[in-house]
Full PDB file with SEQRES, HELIX, SHEET, SSBOND, CRYST1, ORIGX, SCALE, CONECT and MASTER records, all heavy atoms in Angstrom:
SEQRES   1 A   39  PRO HIS MET LEU TRP LEU GLY THR VAL ALA THR MET LEU          
SEQRES   2 A   39  GLN THR ALA GLY ALA GLN ILE ALA ALA THR GLY GLU GLN          
SEQRES   3 A   39  PHE GLU VAL ALA LYS MET ALA THR ALA THR PRO ALA GLU          
HELIX    1 AA1 HIS A    2  MET A   32  1                                  31    
CRYST1    1.000    1.000    1.000  90.00  90.00  90.00 P 1           1          
ORIGX1      1.000000  0.000000  0.000000        0.00000                         
ORIGX2      0.000000  1.000000  0.000000        0.00000                         
ORIGX3      0.000000  0.000000  1.000000        0.00000                         
SCALE1      1.000000  0.000000  0.000000        0.00000                         
SCALE2      0.000000  1.000000  0.000000        0.00000                         
SCALE3      0.000000  0.000000  1.000000        0.00000                         
ATOM      1  N   PRO A   1    -102.462-146.343-128.770  1.00  0.00           N  
ATOM      2  CA  PRO A   1    -101.934-144.988-128.517  1.00  0.00           C  
ATOM      3  C   PRO A   1    -101.715-144.702-127.039  1.00  0.00           C  
ATOM      4  O   PRO A   1    -100.719-144.067-126.661  1.00  0.00           O  
ATOM      5  CB  PRO A   1    -103.015-144.082-129.122  1.00  0.00           C  
ATOM      6  CG  PRO A   1    -103.678-144.919-130.160  1.00  0.00           C  
ATOM      7  CD  PRO A   1    -103.684-146.311-129.605  1.00  0.00           C  
ATOM      8  N   HIS A   2    -102.640-145.191-126.197  1.00  0.00           N  
ATOM      9  CA  HIS A   2    -102.486-144.951-124.763  1.00  0.00           C  
ATOM     10  C   HIS A   2    -101.293-145.718-124.210  1.00  0.00           C  
ATOM     11  O   HIS A   2    -100.535-145.202-123.368  1.00  0.00           O  
ATOM     12  CB  HIS A   2    -103.754-145.366-124.030  1.00  0.00           C  
ATOM     13  CG  HIS A   2    -103.729-145.065-122.554  1.00  0.00           C  
ATOM     14  ND1 HIS A   2    -103.732-143.776-122.065  1.00  0.00           N  
ATOM     15  CD2 HIS A   2    -103.667-145.883-121.469  1.00  0.00           C  
ATOM     16  CE1 HIS A   2    -103.698-143.802-120.749  1.00  0.00           C  
ATOM     17  NE2 HIS A   2    -103.650-145.075-120.357  1.00  0.00           N  
ATOM     18  N   MET A   3    -101.077-146.944-124.688  1.00  0.00           N  
ATOM     19  CA  MET A   3     -99.930-147.719-124.235  1.00  0.00           C  
ATOM     20  C   MET A   3     -98.614-147.081-124.690  1.00  0.00           C  
ATOM     21  O   MET A   3     -97.628-147.063-123.946  1.00  0.00           O  
ATOM     22  CB  MET A   3    -100.048-149.152-124.748  1.00  0.00           C  
ATOM     23  CG  MET A   3    -101.226-149.919-124.154  1.00  0.00           C  
ATOM     24  SD  MET A   3    -101.385-151.582-124.843  1.00  0.00           S  
ATOM     25  CE  MET A   3     -99.944-152.389-124.167  1.00  0.00           C  
ATOM     26  N   LEU A   4     -98.596-146.576-125.921  1.00  0.00           N  
ATOM     27  CA  LEU A   4     -97.405-145.879-126.399  1.00  0.00           C  
ATOM     28  C   LEU A   4     -97.112-144.652-125.551  1.00  0.00           C  
ATOM     29  O   LEU A   4     -95.949-144.355-125.234  1.00  0.00           O  
ATOM     30  CB  LEU A   4     -97.588-145.484-127.867  1.00  0.00           C  
ATOM     31  CG  LEU A   4     -97.586-146.618-128.893  1.00  0.00           C  
ATOM     32  CD1 LEU A   4     -97.983-146.079-130.266  1.00  0.00           C  
ATOM     33  CD2 LEU A   4     -96.212-147.272-128.958  1.00  0.00           C  
ATOM     34  N   TRP A   5     -98.157-143.943-125.184  1.00  0.00           N  
ATOM     35  CA  TRP A   5     -97.978-142.758-124.339  1.00  0.00           C  
ATOM     36  C   TRP A   5     -97.425-143.151-122.970  1.00  0.00           C  
ATOM     37  O   TRP A   5     -96.514-142.499-122.448  1.00  0.00           O  
ATOM     38  CB  TRP A   5     -99.305-142.028-124.193  1.00  0.00           C  
ATOM     39  CG  TRP A   5     -99.251-140.861-123.254  1.00  0.00           C  
ATOM     40  CD1 TRP A   5     -98.697-139.637-123.489  1.00  0.00           C  
ATOM     41  CD2 TRP A   5     -99.754-140.822-121.906  1.00  0.00           C  
ATOM     42  NE1 TRP A   5     -98.833-138.830-122.382  1.00  0.00           N  
ATOM     43  CE2 TRP A   5     -99.467-139.530-121.401  1.00  0.00           C  
ATOM     44  CE3 TRP A   5    -100.423-141.731-121.108  1.00  0.00           C  
ATOM     45  CZ2 TRP A   5     -99.844-139.146-120.115  1.00  0.00           C  
ATOM     46  CZ3 TRP A   5    -100.789-141.354-119.822  1.00  0.00           C  
ATOM     47  CH2 TRP A   5    -100.491-140.067-119.337  1.00  0.00           C  
ATOM     48  N   LEU A   6     -97.957-144.234-122.389  1.00  0.00           N  
ATOM     49  CA  LEU A   6     -97.450-144.693-121.099  1.00  0.00           C  
ATOM     50  C   LEU A   6     -95.974-145.065-121.199  1.00  0.00           C  
ATOM     51  O   LEU A   6     -95.181-144.743-120.307  1.00  0.00           O  
ATOM     52  CB  LEU A   6     -98.267-145.900-120.616  1.00  0.00           C  
ATOM     53  CG  LEU A   6     -99.681-145.628-120.109  1.00  0.00           C  
ATOM     54  CD1 LEU A   6    -100.375-146.945-119.773  1.00  0.00           C  
ATOM     55  CD2 LEU A   6     -99.667-144.710-118.885  1.00  0.00           C  
ATOM     56  N   GLY A   7     -95.587-145.742-122.279  1.00  0.00           N  
ATOM     57  CA  GLY A   7     -94.189-146.093-122.440  1.00  0.00           C  
ATOM     58  C   GLY A   7     -93.295-144.877-122.568  1.00  0.00           C  
ATOM     59  O   GLY A   7     -92.204-144.827-121.995  1.00  0.00           O  
ATOM     60  N   THR A   8     -93.771-143.877-123.306  1.00  0.00           N  
ATOM     61  CA  THR A   8     -93.000-142.642-123.460  1.00  0.00           C  
ATOM     62  C   THR A   8     -92.849-141.924-122.126  1.00  0.00           C  
ATOM     63  O   THR A   8     -91.756-141.454-121.768  1.00  0.00           O  
ATOM     64  CB  THR A   8     -93.683-141.712-124.482  1.00  0.00           C  
ATOM     65  OG1 THR A   8     -93.725-142.357-125.755  1.00  0.00           O  
ATOM     66  CG2 THR A   8     -92.935-140.389-124.601  1.00  0.00           C  
ATOM     67  N   VAL A   9     -93.935-141.848-121.377  1.00  0.00           N  
ATOM     68  CA  VAL A   9     -93.902-141.163-120.089  1.00  0.00           C  
ATOM     69  C   VAL A   9     -92.973-141.883-119.110  1.00  0.00           C  
ATOM     70  O   VAL A   9     -92.198-141.246-118.379  1.00  0.00           O  
ATOM     71  CB  VAL A   9     -95.326-141.050-119.506  1.00  0.00           C  
ATOM     72  CG1 VAL A   9     -95.287-140.604-118.047  1.00  0.00           C  
ATOM     73  CG2 VAL A   9     -96.147-140.057-120.319  1.00  0.00           C  
ATOM     74  N   ALA A  10     -93.023-143.206-119.090  1.00  0.00           N  
ATOM     75  CA  ALA A  10     -92.146-143.958-118.192  1.00  0.00           C  
ATOM     76  C   ALA A  10     -90.679-143.685-118.509  1.00  0.00           C  
ATOM     77  O   ALA A  10     -89.856-143.481-117.607  1.00  0.00           O  
ATOM     78  CB  ALA A  10     -92.450-145.452-118.301  1.00  0.00           C  
ATOM     79  N   THR A  11     -90.344-143.674-119.789  1.00  0.00           N  
ATOM     80  CA  THR A  11     -88.961-143.397-120.193  1.00  0.00           C  
ATOM     81  C   THR A  11     -88.548-141.986-119.795  1.00  0.00           C  
ATOM     82  O   THR A  11     -87.432-141.764-119.291  1.00  0.00           O  
ATOM     83  CB  THR A  11     -88.807-143.574-121.707  1.00  0.00           C  
ATOM     84  OG1 THR A  11     -89.167-144.916-122.065  1.00  0.00           O  
ATOM     85  CG2 THR A  11     -87.387-143.308-122.150  1.00  0.00           C  
ATOM     86  N   MET A  12     -89.432-141.020-120.030  1.00  0.00           N  
ATOM     87  CA  MET A  12     -89.113-139.629-119.681  1.00  0.00           C  
ATOM     88  C   MET A  12     -88.947-139.453-118.175  1.00  0.00           C  
ATOM     89  O   MET A  12     -88.081-138.695-117.717  1.00  0.00           O  
ATOM     90  CB  MET A  12     -90.206-138.707-120.217  1.00  0.00           C  
ATOM     91  CG  MET A  12     -90.257-138.611-121.733  1.00  0.00           C  
ATOM     92  SD  MET A  12     -91.572-137.506-122.332  1.00  0.00           S  
ATOM     93  CE  MET A  12     -90.944-135.906-121.762  1.00  0.00           C  
ATOM     94  N   LEU A  13     -89.760-140.161-117.384  1.00  0.00           N  
ATOM     95  CA  LEU A  13     -89.642-140.056-115.932  1.00  0.00           C  
ATOM     96  C   LEU A  13     -88.324-140.655-115.440  1.00  0.00           C  
ATOM     97  O   LEU A  13     -87.686-140.102-114.539  1.00  0.00           O  
ATOM     98  CB  LEU A  13     -90.820-140.755-115.257  1.00  0.00           C  
ATOM     99  CG  LEU A  13     -92.175-140.058-115.371  1.00  0.00           C  
ATOM    100  CD1 LEU A  13     -93.273-140.937-114.788  1.00  0.00           C  
ATOM    101  CD2 LEU A  13     -92.156-138.707-114.660  1.00  0.00           C  
ATOM    102  N   GLN A  14     -87.915-141.771-116.029  1.00  0.00           N  
ATOM    103  CA  GLN A  14     -86.632-142.360-115.647  1.00  0.00           C  
ATOM    104  C   GLN A  14     -85.476-141.420-115.994  1.00  0.00           C  
ATOM    105  O   GLN A  14     -84.540-141.257-115.207  1.00  0.00           O  
ATOM    106  CB  GLN A  14     -86.453-143.708-116.335  1.00  0.00           C  
ATOM    107  CG  GLN A  14     -87.351-144.809-115.785  1.00  0.00           C  
ATOM    108  CD  GLN A  14     -87.136-146.131-116.478  1.00  0.00           C  
ATOM    109  OE1 GLN A  14     -86.926-146.186-117.685  1.00  0.00           O  
ATOM    110  NE2 GLN A  14     -87.204-147.217-115.726  1.00  0.00           N  
ATOM    111  N   THR A  15     -85.552-140.804-117.171  1.00  0.00           N  
ATOM    112  CA  THR A  15     -84.509-139.859-117.571  1.00  0.00           C  
ATOM    113  C   THR A  15     -84.495-138.643-116.661  1.00  0.00           C  
ATOM    114  O   THR A  15     -83.427-138.166-116.252  1.00  0.00           O  
ATOM    115  CB  THR A  15     -84.728-139.425-119.031  1.00  0.00           C  
ATOM    116  OG1 THR A  15     -84.726-140.570-119.876  1.00  0.00           O  
ATOM    117  CG2 THR A  15     -83.631-138.464-119.481  1.00  0.00           C  
ATOM    118  N   ALA A  16     -85.677-138.145-116.325  1.00  0.00           N  
ATOM    119  CA  ALA A  16     -85.768-136.987-115.428  1.00  0.00           C  
ATOM    120  C   ALA A  16     -85.197-137.318-114.058  1.00  0.00           C  
ATOM    121  O   ALA A  16     -84.496-136.499-113.443  1.00  0.00           O  
ATOM    122  CB  ALA A  16     -87.214-136.534-115.312  1.00  0.00           C  
ATOM    123  N   GLY A  17     -85.484-138.518-113.553  1.00  0.00           N  
ATOM    124  CA  GLY A  17     -84.941-138.920-112.262  1.00  0.00           C  
ATOM    125  C   GLY A  17     -83.425-138.935-112.271  1.00  0.00           C  
ATOM    126  O   GLY A  17     -82.773-138.491-111.317  1.00  0.00           O  
ATOM    127  N   ALA A  18     -82.843-139.440-113.362  1.00  0.00           N  
ATOM    128  CA  ALA A  18     -81.383-139.464-113.466  1.00  0.00           C  
ATOM    129  C   ALA A  18     -80.811-138.054-113.522  1.00  0.00           C  
ATOM    130  O   ALA A  18     -79.766-137.758-112.917  1.00  0.00           O  
ATOM    131  CB  ALA A  18     -80.967-140.258-114.706  1.00  0.00           C  
ATOM    132  N   GLN A  19     -81.495-137.150-114.242  1.00  0.00           N  
ATOM    133  CA  GLN A  19     -81.014-135.768-114.340  1.00  0.00           C  
ATOM    134  C   GLN A  19     -81.100-135.058-112.991  1.00  0.00           C  
ATOM    135  O   GLN A  19     -80.200-134.295-112.611  1.00  0.00           O  
ATOM    136  CB  GLN A  19     -81.835-135.008-115.386  1.00  0.00           C  
ATOM    137  CG  GLN A  19     -81.567-135.437-116.817  1.00  0.00           C  
ATOM    138  CD  GLN A  19     -82.446-134.706-117.808  1.00  0.00           C  
ATOM    139  OE1 GLN A  19     -83.382-135.270-118.357  1.00  0.00           O  
ATOM    140  NE2 GLN A  19     -82.154-133.436-118.031  1.00  0.00           N  
ATOM    141  N   ILE A  20     -82.173-135.297-112.250  1.00  0.00           N  
ATOM    142  CA  ILE A  20     -82.319-134.667-110.932  1.00  0.00           C  
ATOM    143  C   ILE A  20     -81.249-135.178-109.977  1.00  0.00           C  
ATOM    144  O   ILE A  20     -80.636-134.413-109.221  1.00  0.00           O  
ATOM    145  CB  ILE A  20     -83.729-134.931-110.381  1.00  0.00           C  
ATOM    146  CG1 ILE A  20     -84.777-134.214-111.238  1.00  0.00           C  
ATOM    147  CG2 ILE A  20     -83.835-134.463-108.930  1.00  0.00           C  
ATOM    148  CD1 ILE A  20     -86.207-134.574-110.891  1.00  0.00           C  
ATOM    149  N   ALA A  21     -81.013-136.496-109.997  1.00  0.00           N  
ATOM    150  CA  ALA A  21     -79.991-137.067-109.119  1.00  0.00           C  
ATOM    151  C   ALA A  21     -78.610-136.517-109.467  1.00  0.00           C  
ATOM    152  O   ALA A  21     -77.808-136.216-108.570  1.00  0.00           O  
ATOM    153  CB  ALA A  21     -80.006-138.591-109.229  1.00  0.00           C  
ATOM    154  N   ALA A  22     -78.314-136.379-110.766  1.00  0.00           N  
ATOM    155  CA  ALA A  22     -77.013-135.848-111.176  1.00  0.00           C  
ATOM    156  C   ALA A  22     -76.839-134.404-110.711  1.00  0.00           C  
ATOM    157  O   ALA A  22     -75.743-133.998-110.299  1.00  0.00           O  
ATOM    158  CB  ALA A  22     -76.869-135.936-112.697  1.00  0.00           C  
ATOM    159  N   THR A  23     -77.916-133.626-110.771  1.00  0.00           N  
ATOM    160  CA  THR A  23     -77.840-132.244-110.294  1.00  0.00           C  
ATOM    161  C   THR A  23     -77.579-132.207-108.793  1.00  0.00           C  
ATOM    162  O   THR A  23     -76.789-131.392-108.300  1.00  0.00           O  
ATOM    163  CB  THR A  23     -79.143-131.495-110.617  1.00  0.00           C  
ATOM    164  OG1 THR A  23     -79.380-131.542-112.033  1.00  0.00           O  
ATOM    165  CG2 THR A  23     -79.063-130.038-110.181  1.00  0.00           C  
ATOM    166  N   GLY A  24     -78.257-133.082-108.052  1.00  0.00           N  
ATOM    167  CA  GLY A  24     -78.030-133.148-106.610  1.00  0.00           C  
ATOM    168  C   GLY A  24     -76.607-133.548-106.271  1.00  0.00           C  
ATOM    169  O   GLY A  24     -75.994-132.995-105.335  1.00  0.00           O  
ATOM    170  N   GLU A  25     -76.052-134.496-107.015  1.00  0.00           N  
ATOM    171  CA  GLU A  25     -74.669-134.911-106.778  1.00  0.00           C  
ATOM    172  C   GLU A  25     -73.697-133.768-107.060  1.00  0.00           C  
ATOM    173  O   GLU A  25     -72.725-133.568-106.312  1.00  0.00           O  
ATOM    174  CB  GLU A  25     -74.343-136.118-107.657  1.00  0.00           C  
ATOM    175  CG  GLU A  25     -75.072-137.386-107.245  1.00  0.00           C  
ATOM    176  CD  GLU A  25     -74.966-138.485-108.278  1.00  0.00           C  
ATOM    177  OE1 GLU A  25     -74.315-138.245-109.324  1.00  0.00           O  
ATOM    178  OE2 GLU A  25     -75.518-139.575-108.042  1.00  0.00           O  
ATOM    179  N   GLN A  26     -73.958-132.995-108.123  1.00  0.00           N  
ATOM    180  CA  GLN A  26     -73.097-131.863-108.431  1.00  0.00           C  
ATOM    181  C   GLN A  26     -73.181-130.801-107.337  1.00  0.00           C  
ATOM    182  O   GLN A  26     -72.174-130.158-106.999  1.00  0.00           O  
ATOM    183  CB  GLN A  26     -73.467-131.262-109.788  1.00  0.00           C  
ATOM    184  CG  GLN A  26     -72.596-130.084-110.202  1.00  0.00           C  
ATOM    185  CD  GLN A  26     -71.122-130.439-110.289  1.00  0.00           C  
ATOM    186  OE1 GLN A  26     -70.764-131.496-110.790  1.00  0.00           O  
ATOM    187  NE2 GLN A  26     -70.258-129.557-109.793  1.00  0.00           N  
ATOM    188  N   PHE A  27     -74.375-130.622-106.772  1.00  0.00           N  
ATOM    189  CA  PHE A  27     -74.518-129.662-105.669  1.00  0.00           C  
ATOM    190  C   PHE A  27     -73.652-130.083-104.484  1.00  0.00           C  
ATOM    191  O   PHE A  27     -72.963-129.251-103.868  1.00  0.00           O  
ATOM    192  CB  PHE A  27     -75.971-129.558-105.237  1.00  0.00           C  
ATOM    193  CG  PHE A  27     -76.177-128.655-104.053  1.00  0.00           C  
ATOM    194  CD1 PHE A  27     -76.347-127.293-104.225  1.00  0.00           C  
ATOM    195  CD2 PHE A  27     -76.187-129.162-102.756  1.00  0.00           C  
ATOM    196  CE1 PHE A  27     -76.528-126.448-103.135  1.00  0.00           C  
ATOM    197  CE2 PHE A  27     -76.365-128.329-101.666  1.00  0.00           C  
ATOM    198  CZ  PHE A  27     -76.539-126.975-101.850  1.00  0.00           C  
ATOM    199  N   GLU A  28     -73.675-131.380-104.148  1.00  0.00           N  
ATOM    200  CA  GLU A  28     -72.895-131.854-103.014  1.00  0.00           C  
ATOM    201  C   GLU A  28     -71.400-131.699-103.272  1.00  0.00           C  
ATOM    202  O   GLU A  28     -70.641-131.349-102.360  1.00  0.00           O  
ATOM    203  CB  GLU A  28     -73.237-133.317-102.723  1.00  0.00           C  
ATOM    204  CG  GLU A  28     -74.601-133.515-102.088  1.00  0.00           C  
ATOM    205  CD  GLU A  28     -74.711-132.836-100.735  1.00  0.00           C  
ATOM    206  OE1 GLU A  28     -73.731-132.894 -99.949  1.00  0.00           O  
ATOM    207  OE2 GLU A  28     -75.755-132.218-100.458  1.00  0.00           O  
ATOM    208  N   VAL A  29     -70.969-131.953-104.507  1.00  0.00           N  
ATOM    209  CA  VAL A  29     -69.549-131.784-104.849  1.00  0.00           C  
ATOM    210  C   VAL A  29     -69.137-130.321-104.676  1.00  0.00           C  
ATOM    211  O   VAL A  29     -68.093-130.010-104.084  1.00  0.00           O  
ATOM    212  CB  VAL A  29     -69.280-132.260-106.292  1.00  0.00           C  
ATOM    213  CG1 VAL A  29     -67.877-131.847-106.750  1.00  0.00           C  
ATOM    214  CG2 VAL A  29     -69.440-133.770-106.393  1.00  0.00           C  
ATOM    215  N   ALA A  30     -69.974-129.407-105.204  1.00  0.00           N  
ATOM    216  CA  ALA A  30     -69.658-127.981-105.101  1.00  0.00           C  
ATOM    217  C   ALA A  30     -69.704-127.514-103.647  1.00  0.00           C  
ATOM    218  O   ALA A  30     -68.873-126.696-103.215  1.00  0.00           O  
ATOM    219  CB  ALA A  30     -70.633-127.175-105.950  1.00  0.00           C  
ATOM    220  N   LYS A  31     -70.647-128.030-102.888  1.00  0.00           N  
ATOM    221  CA  LYS A  31     -70.764-127.647-101.476  1.00  0.00           C  
ATOM    222  C   LYS A  31     -69.527-128.056-100.688  1.00  0.00           C  
ATOM    223  O   LYS A  31     -68.973-127.257 -99.913  1.00  0.00           O  
ATOM    224  CB  LYS A  31     -72.013-128.300-100.881  1.00  0.00           C  
ATOM    225  CG  LYS A  31     -72.177-128.103 -99.379  1.00  0.00           C  
ATOM    226  CD  LYS A  31     -73.413-128.840 -98.875  1.00  0.00           C  
ATOM    227  CE  LYS A  31     -73.540-128.782 -97.372  1.00  0.00           C  
ATOM    228  NZ  LYS A  31     -74.731-129.519 -96.882  1.00  0.00           N  
ATOM    229  N   MET A  32     -69.073-129.300-100.876  1.00  0.00           N  
ATOM    230  CA  MET A  32     -67.924-129.779-100.121  1.00  0.00           C  
ATOM    231  C   MET A  32     -66.636-129.047-100.506  1.00  0.00           C  
ATOM    232  O   MET A  32     -65.687-129.006 -99.722  1.00  0.00           O  
ATOM    233  CB  MET A  32     -67.755-131.283-100.343  1.00  0.00           C  
ATOM    234  CG  MET A  32     -68.916-132.113 -99.828  1.00  0.00           C  
ATOM    235  SD  MET A  32     -69.302-131.809 -98.068  1.00  0.00           S  
ATOM    236  CE  MET A  32     -67.788-132.350 -97.285  1.00  0.00           C  
ATOM    237  N   ALA A  33     -66.597-128.466-101.708  1.00  0.00           N  
ATOM    238  CA  ALA A  33     -65.410-127.724-102.146  1.00  0.00           C  
ATOM    239  C   ALA A  33     -65.454-126.264-101.723  1.00  0.00           C  
ATOM    240  O   ALA A  33     -64.516-125.511-102.011  1.00  0.00           O  
ATOM    241  CB  ALA A  33     -65.266-127.819-103.664  1.00  0.00           C  
ATOM    242  N   THR A  34     -66.547-125.849-101.072  1.00  0.00           N  
ATOM    243  CA  THR A  34     -66.719-124.455-100.646  1.00  0.00           C  
ATOM    244  C   THR A  34     -66.450-124.343 -99.155  1.00  0.00           C  
ATOM    245  O   THR A  34     -66.867-125.206 -98.371  1.00  0.00           O  
ATOM    246  CB  THR A  34     -68.145-123.977-100.963  1.00  0.00           C  
ATOM    247  OG1 THR A  34     -68.389-124.117-102.368  1.00  0.00           O  
ATOM    248  CG2 THR A  34     -68.336-122.516-100.566  1.00  0.00           C  
ATOM    249  N   ALA A  35     -65.756-123.281 -98.762  1.00  0.00           N  
ATOM    250  CA  ALA A  35     -65.470-123.067 -97.342  1.00  0.00           C  
ATOM    251  C   ALA A  35     -66.764-122.963 -96.548  1.00  0.00           C  
ATOM    252  O   ALA A  35     -67.755-122.411 -97.021  1.00  0.00           O  
ATOM    253  CB  ALA A  35     -64.640-121.803 -97.167  1.00  0.00           C  
ATOM    254  N   THR A  36     -66.753-123.511 -95.350  1.00  0.00           N  
ATOM    255  CA  THR A  36     -67.933-123.430 -94.485  1.00  0.00           C  
ATOM    256  C   THR A  36     -68.050-122.032 -93.890  1.00  0.00           C  
ATOM    257  O   THR A  36     -67.054-121.295 -93.822  1.00  0.00           O  
ATOM    258  CB  THR A  36     -67.839-124.460 -93.352  1.00  0.00           C  
ATOM    259  OG1 THR A  36     -66.744-124.096 -92.493  1.00  0.00           O  
ATOM    260  CG2 THR A  36     -67.617-125.862 -93.902  1.00  0.00           C  
ATOM    261  N   PRO A  37     -69.237-121.638 -93.448  1.00  0.00           N  
ATOM    262  CA  PRO A  37     -69.370-120.335 -92.774  1.00  0.00           C  
ATOM    263  C   PRO A  37     -68.451-120.199 -91.567  1.00  0.00           C  
ATOM    264  O   PRO A  37     -67.929-119.103 -91.289  1.00  0.00           O  
ATOM    265  CB  PRO A  37     -70.844-120.309 -92.369  1.00  0.00           C  
ATOM    266  CG  PRO A  37     -71.532-121.169 -93.387  1.00  0.00           C  
ATOM    267  CD  PRO A  37     -70.544-122.277 -93.665  1.00  0.00           C  
ATOM    268  N   ALA A  38     -68.217-121.296 -90.860  1.00  0.00           N  
ATOM    269  CA  ALA A  38     -67.323-121.238 -89.695  1.00  0.00           C  
ATOM    270  C   ALA A  38     -65.894-120.934 -90.120  1.00  0.00           C  
ATOM    271  O   ALA A  38     -65.181-120.161 -89.446  1.00  0.00           O  
ATOM    272  CB  ALA A  38     -67.382-122.561 -88.933  1.00  0.00           C  
ATOM    273  N   GLU A  39     -65.449-121.521 -91.221  1.00  0.00           N  
ATOM    274  CA  GLU A  39     -64.093-121.254 -91.715  1.00  0.00           C  
ATOM    275  C   GLU A  39     -63.940-119.803 -92.145  1.00  0.00           C  
ATOM    276  O   GLU A  39     -62.907-119.166 -91.872  1.00  0.00           O  
ATOM    277  CB  GLU A  39     -63.776-122.190 -92.882  1.00  0.00           C  
ATOM    278  CG  GLU A  39     -63.584-123.641 -92.477  1.00  0.00           C  
ATOM    279  CD  GLU A  39     -63.420-124.552 -93.672  1.00  0.00           C  
ATOM    280  OE1 GLU A  39     -64.097-124.331 -94.704  1.00  0.00           O  
ATOM    281  OE2 GLU A  39     -62.610-125.504 -93.589  1.00  0.00           O  
TER     282      GLU A  39                                                      
MASTER        0    0    0    1    0    0    0    6  281    1    0    3          
END                                                                             
């Protein structure tokens, strides 16, 4: 049971990492498409 839990947690952490990275990439895309304060 403990090994199964470790496997589940590892998979969930990898998925969470991918979701966080995708959110960060979307932020950068939206930022670059937005006028700067100087503009």
